[in-house]
Structures are given as C-alpha cells and as structure tokens.
N, C-alpha and C. Protein backbone atom coordinates (compact mmCIF):
# COMPACT_ATOMS: atom_id res chain seq x y z
N PRO A 1 10.31 57.34 24.57
CA PRO A 1 8.96 56.80 24.49
C PRO A 1 8.47 56.61 23.05
N MET A 2 9.19 57.17 22.07
CA MET A 2 8.76 57.07 20.68
C MET A 2 9.82 56.39 19.83
N ILE A 3 9.37 55.53 18.93
CA ILE A 3 10.22 54.94 17.91
C ILE A 3 9.69 55.44 16.58
N THR A 4 10.56 56.02 15.75
CA THR A 4 10.10 56.54 14.47
C THR A 4 11.01 56.09 13.35
N PHE A 5 10.43 56.07 12.15
CA PHE A 5 11.18 55.80 10.94
C PHE A 5 10.66 56.76 9.87
N LYS A 6 11.56 57.48 9.24
CA LYS A 6 11.21 58.39 8.16
C LYS A 6 11.96 57.94 6.92
N SER A 7 11.20 57.50 5.91
CA SER A 7 11.84 57.00 4.70
C SER A 7 12.31 58.16 3.83
N SER A 8 13.42 57.93 3.13
CA SER A 8 13.97 58.93 2.22
C SER A 8 13.96 58.45 0.77
N SER A 9 13.95 57.12 0.59
CA SER A 9 13.89 56.56 -0.77
C SER A 9 13.49 55.10 -0.71
N CYS A 10 13.06 54.61 -1.85
CA CYS A 10 12.66 53.21 -1.98
C CYS A 10 13.06 52.74 -3.37
N THR A 11 13.69 51.57 -3.44
CA THR A 11 14.08 51.00 -4.72
C THR A 11 13.64 49.54 -4.75
N GLY A 12 13.45 49.01 -5.93
CA GLY A 12 13.11 47.61 -6.05
C GLY A 12 12.04 47.36 -7.08
N GLY A 13 11.47 46.17 -7.00
CA GLY A 13 10.47 45.75 -7.96
C GLY A 13 9.14 45.47 -7.31
N PRO A 14 8.27 44.75 -8.02
CA PRO A 14 6.92 44.51 -7.51
C PRO A 14 6.85 43.52 -6.35
N ASP A 15 7.86 42.67 -6.17
CA ASP A 15 7.82 41.67 -5.10
C ASP A 15 8.75 41.97 -3.93
N GLN A 16 9.83 42.72 -4.19
CA GLN A 16 10.81 43.04 -3.15
C GLN A 16 11.27 44.47 -3.34
N ALA A 17 11.60 45.11 -2.22
CA ALA A 17 12.08 46.49 -2.27
C ALA A 17 13.04 46.73 -1.12
N THR A 18 13.76 47.83 -1.20
CA THR A 18 14.61 48.29 -0.10
C THR A 18 14.19 49.71 0.23
N ILE A 19 13.85 49.93 1.49
CA ILE A 19 13.45 51.26 1.95
C ILE A 19 14.62 51.84 2.74
N ASN A 20 15.07 53.02 2.36
CA ASN A 20 16.14 53.73 3.06
C ASN A 20 15.53 54.85 3.88
N GLY A 21 16.11 55.11 5.04
CA GLY A 21 15.57 56.20 5.85
C GLY A 21 16.29 56.34 7.17
N LYS A 22 15.67 57.11 8.05
CA LYS A 22 16.23 57.40 9.37
C LYS A 22 15.37 56.75 10.44
N PHE A 23 16.01 55.92 11.27
CA PHE A 23 15.36 55.20 12.36
C PHE A 23 15.77 55.86 13.66
N THR A 24 14.78 56.24 14.47
CA THR A 24 15.05 56.91 15.75
C THR A 24 14.52 56.06 16.90
N LEU A 25 15.39 55.81 17.87
CA LEU A 25 15.05 55.04 19.06
C LEU A 25 15.77 55.68 20.24
N ARG A 26 15.03 55.98 21.29
CA ARG A 26 15.58 56.62 22.50
C ARG A 26 16.29 57.93 22.17
N GLY A 27 15.79 58.67 21.18
CA GLY A 27 16.36 59.97 20.83
C GLY A 27 17.60 59.91 19.95
N VAL A 28 18.02 58.71 19.54
CA VAL A 28 19.19 58.53 18.69
C VAL A 28 18.70 58.16 17.28
N THR A 29 19.19 58.87 16.27
CA THR A 29 18.78 58.64 14.89
C THR A 29 19.95 58.10 14.08
N ARG A 30 19.68 57.06 13.31
CA ARG A 30 20.68 56.45 12.44
C ARG A 30 20.06 56.16 11.08
N ASP A 31 20.88 56.21 10.03
CA ASP A 31 20.44 55.82 8.70
C ASP A 31 20.40 54.30 8.62
N ILE A 32 19.30 53.76 8.06
CA ILE A 32 19.18 52.32 7.90
C ILE A 32 18.60 51.98 6.53
N ARG A 33 18.76 50.72 6.16
CA ARG A 33 18.16 50.16 4.94
C ARG A 33 17.33 48.96 5.37
N VAL A 34 16.08 48.91 4.92
CA VAL A 34 15.19 47.81 5.31
C VAL A 34 14.75 47.06 4.06
N PRO A 35 15.21 45.82 3.87
CA PRO A 35 14.70 45.01 2.76
C PRO A 35 13.30 44.52 3.13
N VAL A 36 12.34 44.66 2.21
CA VAL A 36 10.97 44.24 2.48
C VAL A 36 10.44 43.38 1.35
N LYS A 37 9.52 42.48 1.69
CA LYS A 37 8.76 41.72 0.71
C LYS A 37 7.47 42.48 0.48
N VAL A 38 7.05 42.56 -0.77
CA VAL A 38 5.85 43.30 -1.14
C VAL A 38 4.78 42.31 -1.59
N ASP A 39 3.59 42.42 -0.98
CA ASP A 39 2.45 41.59 -1.37
C ASP A 39 1.30 42.53 -1.71
N SER A 40 0.90 42.54 -2.97
CA SER A 40 -0.20 43.42 -3.38
C SER A 40 -1.42 42.63 -3.85
N SER A 41 -1.53 41.39 -3.39
CA SER A 41 -2.65 40.54 -3.82
C SER A 41 -3.99 41.04 -3.29
N SER A 42 -4.01 41.64 -2.10
CA SER A 42 -5.24 42.24 -1.55
C SER A 42 -4.82 43.46 -0.74
N GLY A 43 -4.81 44.61 -1.37
CA GLY A 43 -4.28 45.82 -0.74
C GLY A 43 -2.78 45.82 -0.90
N LEU A 44 -2.08 46.34 0.09
CA LEU A 44 -0.61 46.39 0.07
C LEU A 44 -0.09 45.95 1.42
N LYS A 45 0.85 45.02 1.41
CA LYS A 45 1.45 44.52 2.64
C LYS A 45 2.97 44.46 2.46
N LEU A 46 3.70 45.08 3.37
CA LEU A 46 5.17 45.04 3.38
C LEU A 46 5.62 44.33 4.65
N THR A 47 6.52 43.35 4.52
CA THR A 47 7.09 42.69 5.68
C THR A 47 8.61 42.69 5.55
N GLY A 48 9.28 42.90 6.66
CA GLY A 48 10.73 42.91 6.63
C GLY A 48 11.32 42.96 8.03
N SER A 49 12.62 43.00 8.08
CA SER A 49 13.32 43.10 9.36
C SER A 49 14.70 43.70 9.13
N PHE A 50 15.25 44.25 10.21
CA PHE A 50 16.61 44.78 10.17
C PHE A 50 17.21 44.66 11.55
N LYS A 51 18.53 44.70 11.62
CA LYS A 51 19.24 44.54 12.88
C LYS A 51 19.88 45.85 13.30
N ILE A 52 19.91 46.08 14.61
CA ILE A 52 20.59 47.23 15.19
C ILE A 52 21.43 46.76 16.36
N LYS A 53 22.36 47.59 16.77
CA LYS A 53 23.12 47.33 17.99
C LYS A 53 22.51 48.17 19.10
N ALA A 54 22.14 47.54 20.20
CA ALA A 54 21.50 48.23 21.31
C ALA A 54 22.37 49.36 21.84
N THR A 55 23.68 49.15 21.90
CA THR A 55 24.57 50.18 22.43
C THR A 55 24.61 51.41 21.54
N ASP A 56 24.33 51.26 20.22
CA ASP A 56 24.27 52.41 19.32
C ASP A 56 23.12 53.34 19.66
N TYR A 57 22.11 52.81 20.38
CA TYR A 57 20.92 53.59 20.72
C TYR A 57 20.82 53.87 22.22
N GLY A 58 21.93 53.76 22.93
CA GLY A 58 21.97 54.17 24.33
C GLY A 58 21.56 53.14 25.35
N PHE A 59 21.38 51.88 24.95
CA PHE A 59 21.07 50.84 25.92
C PHE A 59 22.36 50.37 26.58
N LYS A 60 22.34 50.23 27.88
CA LYS A 60 23.49 49.65 28.58
C LYS A 60 23.30 48.14 28.61
N PRO A 61 24.30 47.40 28.22
CA PRO A 61 24.18 45.94 28.27
C PRO A 61 23.97 45.45 29.70
N TYR A 62 22.97 44.58 29.87
CA TYR A 62 22.70 43.98 31.17
C TYR A 62 23.64 42.81 31.38
N SER A 63 24.17 42.70 32.58
CA SER A 63 25.06 41.60 32.89
C SER A 63 24.90 41.24 34.37
N ALA A 64 24.88 39.95 34.65
CA ALA A 64 24.77 39.47 36.03
C ALA A 64 25.59 38.20 36.16
N MET A 65 25.80 37.79 37.38
CA MET A 65 26.53 36.56 37.67
C MET A 65 27.90 36.55 36.98
N PHE A 66 28.63 37.65 37.13
CA PHE A 66 29.98 37.78 36.58
C PHE A 66 30.02 37.55 35.07
N GLY A 67 28.99 38.03 34.37
CA GLY A 67 28.96 37.94 32.91
C GLY A 67 28.35 36.68 32.36
N GLN A 68 27.94 35.75 33.23
CA GLN A 68 27.34 34.51 32.72
C GLN A 68 25.93 34.73 32.18
N LEU A 69 25.26 35.77 32.67
CA LEU A 69 23.93 36.11 32.19
C LEU A 69 23.98 37.54 31.66
N LYS A 70 23.70 37.71 30.36
CA LYS A 70 23.77 39.05 29.79
C LYS A 70 22.93 39.15 28.53
N ASN A 71 22.56 40.37 28.18
CA ASN A 71 21.82 40.63 26.94
C ASN A 71 22.79 40.65 25.78
N GLN A 72 22.30 40.27 24.62
CA GLN A 72 23.10 40.42 23.42
C GLN A 72 22.99 41.85 22.94
N ASN A 73 24.03 42.35 22.32
CA ASN A 73 24.04 43.72 21.82
C ASN A 73 23.19 43.87 20.56
N GLU A 74 23.10 42.82 19.75
CA GLU A 74 22.36 42.90 18.49
C GLU A 74 20.88 42.63 18.74
N MET A 75 20.04 43.50 18.15
CA MET A 75 18.59 43.36 18.26
C MET A 75 18.01 43.28 16.85
N SER A 76 16.96 42.48 16.67
CA SER A 76 16.26 42.39 15.39
C SER A 76 14.93 43.12 15.51
N ILE A 77 14.66 44.01 14.56
CA ILE A 77 13.40 44.73 14.51
C ILE A 77 12.60 44.15 13.33
N HIS A 78 11.41 43.69 13.61
CA HIS A 78 10.53 43.10 12.58
C HIS A 78 9.38 44.04 12.34
N LEU A 79 8.97 44.17 11.07
CA LEU A 79 7.86 45.07 10.77
C LEU A 79 6.89 44.45 9.79
N GLU A 80 5.65 44.88 9.92
CA GLU A 80 4.60 44.50 8.99
C GLU A 80 3.70 45.70 8.80
N LEU A 81 3.65 46.21 7.59
CA LEU A 81 2.82 47.37 7.26
C LEU A 81 1.72 46.91 6.32
N VAL A 82 0.46 47.26 6.66
CA VAL A 82 -0.67 46.81 5.88
C VAL A 82 -1.54 47.99 5.50
N SER A 83 -1.94 48.04 4.23
CA SER A 83 -2.86 49.06 3.73
C SER A 83 -4.01 48.36 3.04
N ASN A 84 -5.21 48.84 3.26
CA ASN A 84 -6.38 48.23 2.63
C ASN A 84 -6.67 48.88 1.31
C-alpha cells in the first residue's frame, strides 16, 4: 500500500541533478538513480523519471489469449516535486 523513496545522495548542478537512493514498492527495496531537471525560478521544482521492471517488485505479468495480450515488464515512474 506504500511507495517510498529515501535519498542517500545528490550530485549535479543548478539545472540538472541525479538523486541516488532506495525505492520501495510492494515491500521490495532497490537502489535507484533518478536524473532530475531543477527549476528554481519560483521556489524549487524537480521533475524526472526512471524505469523499473515490474517483476523485480513482485508483480506477476498479466497474459491472456495465449500471450497475445500481456503487460510489459518495464514500467516508467514519473515524478514532480514542488516546494514554495
């Protein structure tokens, strides 16, 4: 029921950065790197995305019609963090 991310480090410059940390989904935790764009024109805004494999986090691939209809294993997670 909970998705969490705990950062351990951040590197980069004023416009782009990479946040390293632990991403937890369905009770499974993995180390990830998230490249983000930084916008500090009015407050602070970080936008980015990263990819995970659903099977790495305990999702069973859905399949029907003898494999003609199925979910992809790769998922994209998009984020937007805003501070005033």
